PDB file of all heavy atoms in Angstrom:
ATOM      1  N   GLN A   1      -2.357  97.933 -18.702  1.00  0.00           N
ATOM      2  CA  GLN A   1      -3.362  96.913 -18.409  1.00  0.00           C
ATOM      3  C   GLN A   1      -4.628  97.241 -19.193  1.00  0.00           C
ATOM      4  O   GLN A   1      -5.190  98.328 -19.065  1.00  0.00           O
ATOM      5  CB  GLN A   1      -3.688  96.851 -16.916  1.00  0.00           C
ATOM      6  CG  GLN A   1      -4.663  95.730 -16.567  1.00  0.00           C
ATOM      7  CD  GLN A   1      -4.802  95.520 -15.066  1.00  0.00           C
ATOM      8  OE1 GLN A   1      -5.530  96.249 -14.412  1.00  0.00           O
ATOM      9  NE2 GLN A   1      -4.084  94.532 -14.523  1.00  0.00           N
ATOM     10  N   THR A   2      -5.024  96.297 -20.050  1.00  0.00           N
ATOM     11  CA  THR A   2      -6.236  96.456 -20.859  1.00  0.00           C
ATOM     12  C   THR A   2      -7.292  95.503 -20.353  1.00  0.00           C
ATOM     13  O   THR A   2      -7.028  94.306 -20.210  1.00  0.00           O
ATOM     14  CB  THR A   2      -5.955  96.168 -22.343  1.00  0.00           C
ATOM     15  OG1 THR A   2      -4.859  96.984 -22.781  1.00  0.00           O
ATOM     16  CG2 THR A   2      -7.177  96.468 -23.191  1.00  0.00           C
ATOM     17  N   VAL A   3      -8.481  96.021 -20.086  1.00  0.00           N
ATOM     18  CA  VAL A   3      -9.599  95.176 -19.650  1.00  0.00           C
ATOM     19  C   VAL A   3     -10.616  95.141 -20.784  1.00  0.00           C
ATOM     20  O   VAL A   3     -11.339  96.111 -21.025  1.00  0.00           O
ATOM     21  CB  VAL A   3     -10.248  95.720 -18.356  1.00  0.00           C
ATOM     22  CG1 VAL A   3     -11.329  94.758 -17.875  1.00  0.00           C
ATOM     23  CG2 VAL A   3      -9.207  95.949 -17.273  1.00  0.00           C
ATOM     24  N   PHE A   4     -10.641  94.021 -21.510  1.00  0.00           N
ATOM     25  CA  PHE A   4     -11.621  93.831 -22.585  1.00  0.00           C
ATOM     26  C   PHE A   4     -12.934  93.341 -21.973  1.00  0.00           C
ATOM     27  O   PHE A   4     -12.936  92.482 -21.089  1.00  0.00           O
ATOM     28  CB  PHE A   4     -11.138  92.800 -23.604  1.00  0.00           C
ATOM     29  CG  PHE A   4     -10.083  93.322 -24.535  1.00  0.00           C
ATOM     30  CD1 PHE A   4      -8.746  92.979 -24.351  1.00  0.00           C
ATOM     31  CD2 PHE A   4     -10.420  94.151 -25.598  1.00  0.00           C
ATOM     32  CE1 PHE A   4      -7.768  93.456 -25.214  1.00  0.00           C
ATOM     33  CE2 PHE A   4      -9.447  94.631 -26.460  1.00  0.00           C
ATOM     34  CZ  PHE A   4      -8.118  94.285 -26.269  1.00  0.00           C
ATOM     35  N   ILE A   5     -14.049  93.891 -22.458  1.00  0.00           N
ATOM     36  CA  ILE A   5     -15.358  93.454 -21.975  1.00  0.00           C
ATOM     37  C   ILE A   5     -16.136  92.852 -23.144  1.00  0.00           C
ATOM     38  O   ILE A   5     -16.534  93.557 -24.075  1.00  0.00           O
ATOM     39  CB  ILE A   5     -16.144  94.628 -21.355  1.00  0.00           C
ATOM     40  CG1 ILE A   5     -15.333  95.266 -20.232  1.00  0.00           C
ATOM     41  CG2 ILE A   5     -17.492  94.144 -20.838  1.00  0.00           C
ATOM     42  CD1 ILE A   5     -15.980  96.503 -19.622  1.00  0.00           C
ATOM     43  N   ASP A   6     -16.298  91.538 -23.104  1.00  0.00           N
ATOM     44  CA  ASP A   6     -17.074  90.829 -24.118  1.00  0.00           C
ATOM     45  C   ASP A   6     -18.550  90.972 -23.740  1.00  0.00           C
ATOM     46  O   ASP A   6     -18.948  90.620 -22.632  1.00  0.00           O
ATOM     47  CB  ASP A   6     -16.654  89.347 -24.134  1.00  0.00           C
ATOM     48  CG  ASP A   6     -17.471  88.512 -25.106  1.00  0.00           C
ATOM     49  OD1 ASP A   6     -18.063  89.089 -26.038  1.00  0.00           O
ATOM     50  OD2 ASP A   6     -17.521  87.280 -24.923  1.00  0.00           O
ATOM     51  N   THR A   7     -19.359  91.517 -24.642  1.00  0.00           N
ATOM     52  CA  THR A   7     -20.758  91.788 -24.331  1.00  0.00           C
ATOM     53  C   THR A   7     -21.688  90.872 -25.130  1.00  0.00           C
ATOM     54  O   THR A   7     -21.311  90.361 -26.179  1.00  0.00           O
ATOM     55  CB  THR A   7     -21.118  93.254 -24.666  1.00  0.00           C
ATOM     56  OG1 THR A   7     -20.951  93.468 -26.070  1.00  0.00           O
ATOM     57  CG2 THR A   7     -20.251  94.218 -23.887  1.00  0.00           C
ATOM     58  N   PRO A   8     -22.929  90.680 -24.635  1.00  0.00           N
ATOM     59  CA  PRO A   8     -23.909  89.914 -25.426  1.00  0.00           C
ATOM     60  C   PRO A   8     -24.164  90.575 -26.772  1.00  0.00           C
ATOM     61  O   PRO A   8     -24.073  91.801 -26.891  1.00  0.00           O
ATOM     62  CB  PRO A   8     -25.166  89.951 -24.550  1.00  0.00           C
ATOM     63  CG  PRO A   8     -24.678  90.240 -23.170  1.00  0.00           C
ATOM     64  CD  PRO A   8     -23.472  91.114 -23.342  1.00  0.00           C
ATOM     65  N   GLY A   9     -24.490  89.770 -27.768  1.00  0.00           N
ATOM     66  CA  GLY A   9     -24.814  90.318 -29.080  1.00  0.00           C
ATOM     67  C   GLY A   9     -26.044  91.215 -29.012  1.00  0.00           C
ATOM     68  O   GLY A   9     -27.052  90.858 -28.379  1.00  0.00           O
ATOM     69  N   ILE A  10     -25.968  92.378 -29.638  1.00  0.00           N
ATOM     70  CA  ILE A  10     -27.083  93.329 -29.611  1.00  0.00           C
ATOM     71  C   ILE A  10     -28.103  92.917 -30.676  1.00  0.00           C
ATOM     72  O   ILE A  10     -27.766  92.790 -31.851  1.00  0.00           O
ATOM     73  CB  ILE A  10     -26.569  94.763 -29.848  1.00  0.00           C
ATOM     74  CG1 ILE A  10     -25.614  95.157 -28.702  1.00  0.00           C
ATOM     75  CG2 ILE A  10     -27.722  95.743 -29.952  1.00  0.00           C
ATOM     76  CD1 ILE A  10     -24.862  96.450 -28.931  1.00  0.00           C
ATOM     77  N   HIS A  11     -29.335  92.693 -30.236  1.00  0.00           N
ATOM     78  CA  HIS A  11     -30.376  92.203 -31.146  1.00  0.00           C
ATOM     79  C   HIS A  11     -31.747  92.709 -30.697  1.00  0.00           C
ATOM     80  O   HIS A  11     -31.867  93.285 -29.611  1.00  0.00           O
ATOM     81  CB  HIS A  11     -30.379  90.667 -31.157  1.00  0.00           C
ATOM     82  CG  HIS A  11     -30.697  90.072 -29.813  1.00  0.00           C
ATOM     83  ND1 HIS A  11     -29.790  90.081 -28.767  1.00  0.00           N
ATOM     84  CD2 HIS A  11     -31.813  89.471 -29.339  1.00  0.00           C
ATOM     85  CE1 HIS A  11     -30.336  89.507 -27.708  1.00  0.00           C
ATOM     86  NE2 HIS A  11     -31.567  89.136 -28.016  1.00  0.00           N
ATOM     87  N   LYS A  12     -32.749  92.498 -31.504  1.00  0.00           N
ATOM     88  CA  LYS A  12     -34.112  92.875 -31.133  1.00  0.00           C
ATOM     89  C   LYS A  12     -34.664  91.822 -30.174  1.00  0.00           C
ATOM     90  O   LYS A  12     -34.846  90.667 -30.562  1.00  0.00           O
ATOM     91  CB  LYS A  12     -34.989  92.959 -32.394  1.00  0.00           C
ATOM     92  CG  LYS A  12     -36.359  93.555 -32.137  1.00  0.00           C
ATOM     93  CD  LYS A  12     -37.133  93.714 -33.434  1.00  0.00           C
ATOM     94  CE  LYS A  12     -38.509  94.321 -33.165  1.00  0.00           C
ATOM     95  NZ  LYS A  12     -39.281  94.494 -34.406  1.00  0.00           N
ATOM     96  N   PRO A  13     -34.921  92.199 -28.918  1.00  0.00           N
ATOM     97  CA  PRO A  13     -35.308  91.198 -27.911  1.00  0.00           C
ATOM     98  C   PRO A  13     -36.686  90.586 -28.158  1.00  0.00           C
ATOM     99  O   PRO A  13     -37.603  91.279 -28.595  1.00  0.00           O
ATOM    100  CB  PRO A  13     -35.318  92.008 -26.600  1.00  0.00           C
ATOM    101  CG  PRO A  13     -34.710  93.328 -26.901  1.00  0.00           C
ATOM    102  CD  PRO A  13     -34.862  93.555 -28.361  1.00  0.00           C
ATOM    103  N   LYS A  14     -36.789  89.291 -27.837  1.00  0.00           N
ATOM    104  CA  LYS A  14     -38.081  88.601 -27.965  1.00  0.00           C
ATOM    105  C   LYS A  14     -38.624  88.203 -26.599  1.00  0.00           C
ATOM    106  O   LYS A  14     -39.728  87.697 -26.491  1.00  0.00           O
ATOM    107  CB  LYS A  14     -37.912  87.346 -28.844  1.00  0.00           C
ATOM    108  CG  LYS A  14     -37.564  87.665 -30.292  1.00  0.00           C
ATOM    109  CD  LYS A  14     -37.406  86.391 -31.102  1.00  0.00           C
ATOM    110  CE  LYS A  14     -37.046  86.701 -32.552  1.00  0.00           C
ATOM    111  NZ  LYS A  14     -36.816  85.475 -33.344  1.00  0.00           N
ATOM    112  N   HIS A  15     -37.823  88.395 -25.546  1.00  0.00           N
ATOM    113  CA  HIS A  15     -38.254  88.047 -24.193  1.00  0.00           C
ATOM    114  C   HIS A  15     -37.417  88.856 -23.206  1.00  0.00           C
ATOM    115  O   HIS A  15     -36.515  89.604 -23.602  1.00  0.00           O
ATOM    116  CB  HIS A  15     -38.116  86.540 -23.934  1.00  0.00           C
ATOM    117  CG  HIS A  15     -36.874  85.942 -24.521  1.00  0.00           C
ATOM    118  ND1 HIS A  15     -35.597  86.319 -24.133  1.00  0.00           N
ATOM    119  CD2 HIS A  15     -36.701  85.016 -25.499  1.00  0.00           C
ATOM    120  CE1 HIS A  15     -34.708  85.643 -24.829  1.00  0.00           C
ATOM    121  NE2 HIS A  15     -35.341  84.860 -25.673  1.00  0.00           N
ATOM    122  N   GLU A  16     -37.695  88.711 -21.916  1.00  0.00           N
ATOM    123  CA  GLU A  16     -37.011  89.487 -20.881  1.00  0.00           C
ATOM    124  C   GLU A  16     -35.503  89.197 -20.857  1.00  0.00           C
ATOM    125  O   GLU A  16     -34.697  90.090 -20.596  1.00  0.00           O
ATOM    126  CB  GLU A  16     -37.614  89.201 -19.501  1.00  0.00           C
ATOM    127  CG  GLU A  16     -38.933  89.911 -19.252  1.00  0.00           C
ATOM    128  CD  GLU A  16     -38.809  91.430 -19.191  1.00  0.00           C
ATOM    129  OE1 GLU A  16     -37.767  91.937 -18.731  1.00  0.00           O
ATOM    130  OE2 GLU A  16     -39.751  92.112 -19.618  1.00  0.00           O
ATOM    131  N   LEU A  17     -35.125  87.942 -21.100  1.00  0.00           N
ATOM    132  CA  LEU A  17     -33.697  87.610 -21.136  1.00  0.00           C
ATOM    133  C   LEU A  17     -33.007  88.380 -22.260  1.00  0.00           C
ATOM    134  O   LEU A  17     -31.928  88.949 -22.073  1.00  0.00           O
ATOM    135  CB  LEU A  17     -33.488  86.106 -21.317  1.00  0.00           C
ATOM    136  CG  LEU A  17     -32.028  85.651 -21.497  1.00  0.00           C
ATOM    137  CD1 LEU A  17     -31.181  86.005 -20.272  1.00  0.00           C
ATOM    138  CD2 LEU A  17     -31.958  84.147 -21.774  1.00  0.00           C
ATOM    139  N   GLY A  18     -33.638  88.416 -23.432  1.00  0.00           N
ATOM    140  CA  GLY A  18     -33.073  89.152 -24.570  1.00  0.00           C
ATOM    141  C   GLY A  18     -32.955  90.631 -24.274  1.00  0.00           C
ATOM    142  O   GLY A  18     -31.972  91.285 -24.643  1.00  0.00           O
ATOM    143  N   LYS A  19     -33.950  91.185 -23.584  1.00  0.00           N
ATOM    144  CA  LYS A  19     -33.915  92.609 -23.219  1.00  0.00           C
ATOM    145  C   LYS A  19     -32.763  92.873 -22.252  1.00  0.00           C
ATOM    146  O   LYS A  19     -32.030  93.858 -22.383  1.00  0.00           O
ATOM    147  CB  LYS A  19     -35.247  93.010 -22.589  1.00  0.00           C
ATOM    148  CG  LYS A  19     -35.349  94.506 -22.260  1.00  0.00           C
ATOM    149  CD  LYS A  19     -36.726  94.837 -21.692  1.00  0.00           C
ATOM    150  CE  LYS A  19     -36.861  96.344 -21.449  1.00  0.00           C
ATOM    151  NZ  LYS A  19     -35.856  96.868 -20.523  1.00  0.00           N
ATOM    152  N   PHE A  20     -32.598  91.982 -21.264  1.00  0.00           N
ATOM    153  CA  PHE A  20     -31.491  92.117 -20.310  1.00  0.00           C
ATOM    154  C   PHE A  20     -30.152  92.121 -21.039  1.00  0.00           C
ATOM    155  O   PHE A  20     -29.283  92.950 -20.782  1.00  0.00           O
ATOM    156  CB  PHE A  20     -31.534  90.966 -19.290  1.00  0.00           C
ATOM    157  CG  PHE A  20     -30.226  90.717 -18.595  1.00  0.00           C
ATOM    158  CD1 PHE A  20     -29.797  91.557 -17.570  1.00  0.00           C
ATOM    159  CD2 PHE A  20     -29.414  89.653 -18.970  1.00  0.00           C
ATOM    160  CE1 PHE A  20     -28.572  91.345 -16.942  1.00  0.00           C
ATOM    161  CE2 PHE A  20     -28.200  89.433 -18.337  1.00  0.00           C
ATOM    162  CZ  PHE A  20     -27.777  90.278 -17.325  1.00  0.00           C
ATOM    163  N   MET A  21     -29.988  91.201 -21.987  1.00  0.00           N
ATOM    164  CA  MET A  21     -28.727  91.064 -22.713  1.00  0.00           C
ATOM    165  C   MET A  21     -28.409  92.316 -23.533  1.00  0.00           C
ATOM    166  O   MET A  21     -27.290  92.831 -23.502  1.00  0.00           O
ATOM    167  CB  MET A  21     -28.783  89.822 -23.620  1.00  0.00           C
ATOM    168  CG  MET A  21     -28.760  88.512 -22.853  1.00  0.00           C
ATOM    169  SD  MET A  21     -29.447  87.123 -23.802  1.00  0.00           S
ATOM    170  CE  MET A  21     -28.356  87.068 -25.208  1.00  0.00           C
ATOM    171  N   THR A  22     -29.414  92.805 -24.275  1.00  0.00           N
ATOM    172  CA  THR A  22     -29.207  93.995 -25.122  1.00  0.00           C
ATOM    173  C   THR A  22     -28.962  95.234 -24.276  1.00  0.00           C
ATOM    174  O   THR A  22     -28.066  96.039 -24.571  1.00  0.00           O
ATOM    175  CB  THR A  22     -30.406  94.183 -26.065  1.00  0.00           C
ATOM    176  OG1 THR A  22     -30.476  93.062 -26.959  1.00  0.00           O
ATOM    177  CG2 THR A  22     -30.268  95.442 -26.892  1.00  0.00           C
ATOM    178  N   ASP A  23     -29.746  95.400 -23.198  1.00  0.00           N
ATOM    179  CA  ASP A  23     -29.541  96.547 -22.302  1.00  0.00           C
ATOM    180  C   ASP A  23     -28.159  96.522 -21.673  1.00  0.00           C
ATOM    181  O   ASP A  23     -27.508  97.557 -21.510  1.00  0.00           O
ATOM    182  CB  ASP A  23     -30.604  96.552 -21.196  1.00  0.00           C
ATOM    183  CG  ASP A  23     -31.996  96.925 -21.702  1.00  0.00           C
ATOM    184  OD1 ASP A  23     -32.097  97.372 -22.863  1.00  0.00           O
ATOM    185  OD2 ASP A  23     -32.972  96.762 -20.944  1.00  0.00           O
ATOM    186  N   LEU A  24     -27.701  95.315 -21.331  1.00  0.00           N
ATOM    187  CA  LEU A  24     -26.375  95.156 -20.716  1.00  0.00           C
ATOM    188  C   LEU A  24     -25.290  95.603 -21.688  1.00  0.00           C
ATOM    189  O   LEU A  24     -24.370  96.346 -21.319  1.00  0.00           O
ATOM    190  CB  LEU A  24     -26.168  93.682 -20.341  1.00  0.00           C
ATOM    191  CG  LEU A  24     -24.980  93.336 -19.448  1.00  0.00           C
ATOM    192  CD1 LEU A  24     -25.194  93.876 -18.033  1.00  0.00           C
ATOM    193  CD2 LEU A  24     -24.785  91.832 -19.401  1.00  0.00           C
ATOM    194  N   ALA A  25     -25.395  95.164 -22.940  1.00  0.00           N
ATOM    195  CA  ALA A  25     -24.391  95.514 -23.949  1.00  0.00           C
ATOM    196  C   ALA A  25     -24.380  97.011 -24.230  1.00  0.00           C
ATOM    197  O   ALA A  25     -23.318  97.648 -24.266  1.00  0.00           O
ATOM    198  CB  ALA A  25     -24.644  94.733 -25.238  1.00  0.00           C
ATOM    199  N   LEU A  26     -25.557  97.593 -24.419  1.00  0.00           N
ATOM    200  CA  LEU A  26     -25.641  99.029 -24.728  1.00  0.00           C
ATOM    201  C   LEU A  26     -25.217  99.877 -23.537  1.00  0.00           C
ATOM    202  O   LEU A  26     -24.585 100.923 -23.692  1.00  0.00           O
ATOM    203  CB  LEU A  26     -27.066  99.394 -25.158  1.00  0.00           C
ATOM    204  CG  LEU A  26     -27.520  98.814 -26.505  1.00  0.00           C
ATOM    205  CD1 LEU A  26     -28.998  99.102 -26.741  1.00  0.00           C
ATOM    206  CD2 LEU A  26     -26.675  99.371 -27.653  1.00  0.00           C
ATOM    207  N   GLY A  27     -25.539  99.406 -22.325  1.00  0.00           N
ATOM    208  CA  GLY A  27     -25.145 100.133 -21.118  1.00  0.00           C
ATOM    209  C   GLY A  27     -23.640 100.197 -20.948  1.00  0.00           C
ATOM    210  O   GLY A  27     -23.103 101.153 -20.379  1.00  0.00           O
ATOM    211  N   THR A  28     -22.947  99.196 -21.460  1.00  0.00           N
ATOM    212  CA  THR A  28     -21.486  99.144 -21.347  1.00  0.00           C
ATOM    213  C   THR A  28     -20.815 100.301 -22.096  1.00  0.00           C
ATOM    214  O   THR A  28     -19.732 100.754 -21.716  1.00  0.00           O
ATOM    215  CB  THR A  28     -20.962  97.792 -21.900  1.00  0.00           C
ATOM    216  OG1 THR A  28     -21.639  96.727 -21.220  1.00  0.00           O
ATOM    217  CG2 THR A  28     -19.473  97.639 -21.696  1.00  0.00           C
ATOM    218  N   LEU A  29     -21.465 100.777 -23.153  1.00  0.00           N
ATOM    219  CA  LEU A  29     -20.876 101.848 -23.981  1.00  0.00           C
ATOM    220  C   LEU A  29     -20.551 103.096 -23.165  1.00  0.00           C
ATOM    221  O   LEU A  29     -19.631 103.839 -23.503  1.00  0.00           O
ATOM    222  CB  LEU A  29     -21.826 102.209 -25.115  1.00  0.00           C
ATOM    223  CG  LEU A  29     -22.140 101.102 -26.137  1.00  0.00           C
ATOM    224  CD1 LEU A  29     -23.177 101.591 -27.134  1.00  0.00           C
ATOM    225  CD2 LEU A  29     -20.880 100.640 -26.848  1.00  0.00           C
ATOM    226  N   ASN A  30     -21.302 103.317 -22.109  1.00  0.00           N
ATOM    227  CA  ASN A  30     -21.107 104.525 -21.298  1.00  0.00           C
ATOM    228  C   ASN A  30     -20.108 104.323 -20.155  1.00  0.00           C
ATOM    229  O   ASN A  30     -19.839 105.263 -19.412  1.00  0.00           O
ATOM    230  CB  ASN A  30     -22.451 104.982 -20.720  1.00  0.00           C
ATOM    231  CG  ASN A  30     -23.494 105.221 -21.801  1.00  0.00           C
ATOM    232  OD1 ASN A  30     -23.190 105.844 -22.815  1.00  0.00           O
ATOM    233  ND2 ASN A  30     -24.701 104.723 -21.602  1.00  0.00           N
ATOM    234  N   GLU A  31     -19.601 103.087 -20.017  1.00  0.00           N
ATOM    235  CA  GLU A  31     -18.763 102.778 -18.857  1.00  0.00           C
ATOM    236  C   GLU A  31     -17.299 102.558 -19.225  1.00  0.00           C
ATOM    237  O   GLU A  31     -16.479 102.277 -18.347  1.00  0.00           O
ATOM    238  CB  GLU A  31     -19.287 101.501 -18.169  1.00  0.00           C
ATOM    239  CG  GLU A  31     -20.743 101.574 -17.743  1.00  0.00           C
ATOM    240  CD  GLU A  31     -21.307 100.216 -17.378  1.00  0.00           C
ATOM    241  OE1 GLU A  31     -20.583  99.209 -17.532  1.00  0.00           O
ATOM    242  OE2 GLU A  31     -22.468 100.151 -16.929  1.00  0.00           O
ATOM    243  N   VAL A  32     -16.959 102.650 -20.509  1.00  0.00           N
ATOM    244  CA  VAL A  32     -15.618 102.251 -20.947  1.00  0.00           C
ATOM    245  C   VAL A  32     -14.815 103.428 -21.510  1.00  0.00           C
ATOM    246  O   VAL A  32     -15.334 104.518 -21.713  1.00  0.00           O
ATOM    247  CB  VAL A  32     -15.697 101.131 -22.015  1.00  0.00           C
ATOM    248  CG1 VAL A  32     -16.298  99.874 -21.412  1.00  0.00           C
ATOM    249  CG2 VAL A  32     -16.509 101.597 -23.223  1.00  0.00           C
ATOM    250  N   ASP A  33     -13.534 103.160 -21.775  1.00  0.00           N
ATOM    251  CA  ASP A  33     -12.627 104.179 -22.305  1.00  0.00           C
ATOM    252  C   ASP A  33     -12.481 104.083 -23.825  1.00  0.00           C
ATOM    253  O   ASP A  33     -11.962 104.998 -24.461  1.00  0.00           O
ATOM    254  CB  ASP A  33     -11.244 104.016 -21.658  1.00  0.00           C
ATOM    255  CG  ASP A  33     -11.340 104.061 -20.144  1.00  0.00           C
ATOM    256  OD1 ASP A  33     -11.693 105.125 -19.618  1.00  0.00           O
ATOM    257  OD2 ASP A  33     -11.079 103.039 -19.481  1.00  0.00           O
ATOM    258  N   MET A  34     -12.930 102.957 -24.376  1.00  0.00           N
ATOM    259  CA  MET A  34     -12.767 102.719 -25.807  1.00  0.00           C
ATOM    260  C   MET A  34     -13.781 101.659 -26.238  1.00  0.00           C
ATOM    261  O   MET A  34     -14.160 100.807 -25.432  1.00  0.00           O
ATOM    262  CB  MET A  34     -11.336 102.189 -26.049  1.00  0.00           C
ATOM    263  CG  MET A  34     -10.784 102.352 -27.440  1.00  0.00           C
ATOM    264  SD  MET A  34      -9.110 101.604 -27.536  1.00  0.00           S
ATOM    265  CE  MET A  34      -8.286 102.326 -26.118  1.00  0.00           C
ATOM    266  N   VAL A  35     -14.212 101.708 -27.499  1.00  0.00           N
ATOM    267  CA  VAL A  35     -15.178 100.723 -28.003  1.00  0.00           C
ATOM    268  C   VAL A  35     -14.639 100.079 -29.265  1.00  0.00           C
ATOM    269  O   VAL A  35     -14.136 100.757 -30.165  1.00  0.00           O
ATOM    270  CB  VAL A  35     -16.544 101.377 -28.313  1.00  0.00           C
ATOM    271  CG1 VAL A  35     -17.512 100.365 -28.914  1.00  0.00           C
ATOM    272  CG2 VAL A  35     -17.156 101.985 -27.047  1.00  0.00           C
ATOM    273  N   MET A  36     -14.735  98.752 -29.320  1.00  0.00           N
ATOM    274  CA  MET A  36     -14.408  97.988 -30.514  1.00  0.00           C
ATOM    275  C   MET A  36     -15.724  97.443 -31.075  1.00  0.00           C
ATOM    276  O   MET A  36     -16.359  96.591 -30.445  1.00  0.00           O
ATOM    277  CB  MET A  36     -13.470  96.819 -30.185  1.00  0.00           C
ATOM    278  CG  MET A  36     -12.118  97.234 -29.684  1.00  0.00           C
ATOM    279  SD  MET A  36     -11.023  97.635 -31.041  1.00  0.00           S
ATOM    280  CE  MET A  36      -9.697  98.470 -30.178  1.00  0.00           C
ATOM    281  N   PHE A  37     -16.153  97.974 -32.231  1.00  0.00           N
ATOM    282  CA  PHE A  37     -17.377  97.501 -32.871  1.00  0.00           C
ATOM    283  C   PHE A  37     -17.003  96.417 -33.859  1.00  0.00           C
ATOM    284  O   PHE A  37     -16.359  96.668 -34.870  1.00  0.00           O
ATOM    285  CB  PHE A  37     -18.072  98.668 -33.575  1.00  0.00           C
ATOM    286  CG  PHE A  37     -19.198  98.251 -34.490  1.00  0.00           C
ATOM    287  CD1 PHE A  37     -20.147  97.325 -34.079  1.00  0.00           C
ATOM    288  CD2 PHE A  37     -19.313  98.787 -35.769  1.00  0.00           C
ATOM    289  CE1 PHE A  37     -21.182  96.942 -34.926  1.00  0.00           C
ATOM    290  CE2 PHE A  37     -20.345  98.412 -36.620  1.00  0.00           C
ATOM    291  CZ  PHE A  37     -21.281  97.482 -36.193  1.00  0.00           C
ATOM    292  N   MET A  38     -17.397  95.185 -33.544  1.00  0.00           N
ATOM    293  CA  MET A  38     -17.001  94.038 -34.358  1.00  0.00           C
ATOM    294  C   MET A  38     -18.101  93.628 -35.325  1.00  0.00           C
ATOM    295  O   MET A  38     -19.277  93.552 -34.956  1.00  0.00           O
ATOM    296  CB  MET A  38     -16.624  92.849 -33.460  1.00  0.00           C
ATOM    297  CG  MET A  38     -16.042  91.678 -34.217  1.00  0.00           C
ATOM    298  SD  MET A  38     -15.416  90.362 -33.108  1.00  0.00           S
ATOM    299  CE  MET A  38     -13.958  91.152 -32.423  1.00  0.00           C
TER     300      MET A  38
END
């Protein structure tokens, strides 16, 4: 069983929503067993 996690695009945030999205994506790196950098 493979659980793929699609994350928000990592970018330089311009507002709080952008910061949330980037933090969410980067935070995922520490929670998984493997990373696919696309």
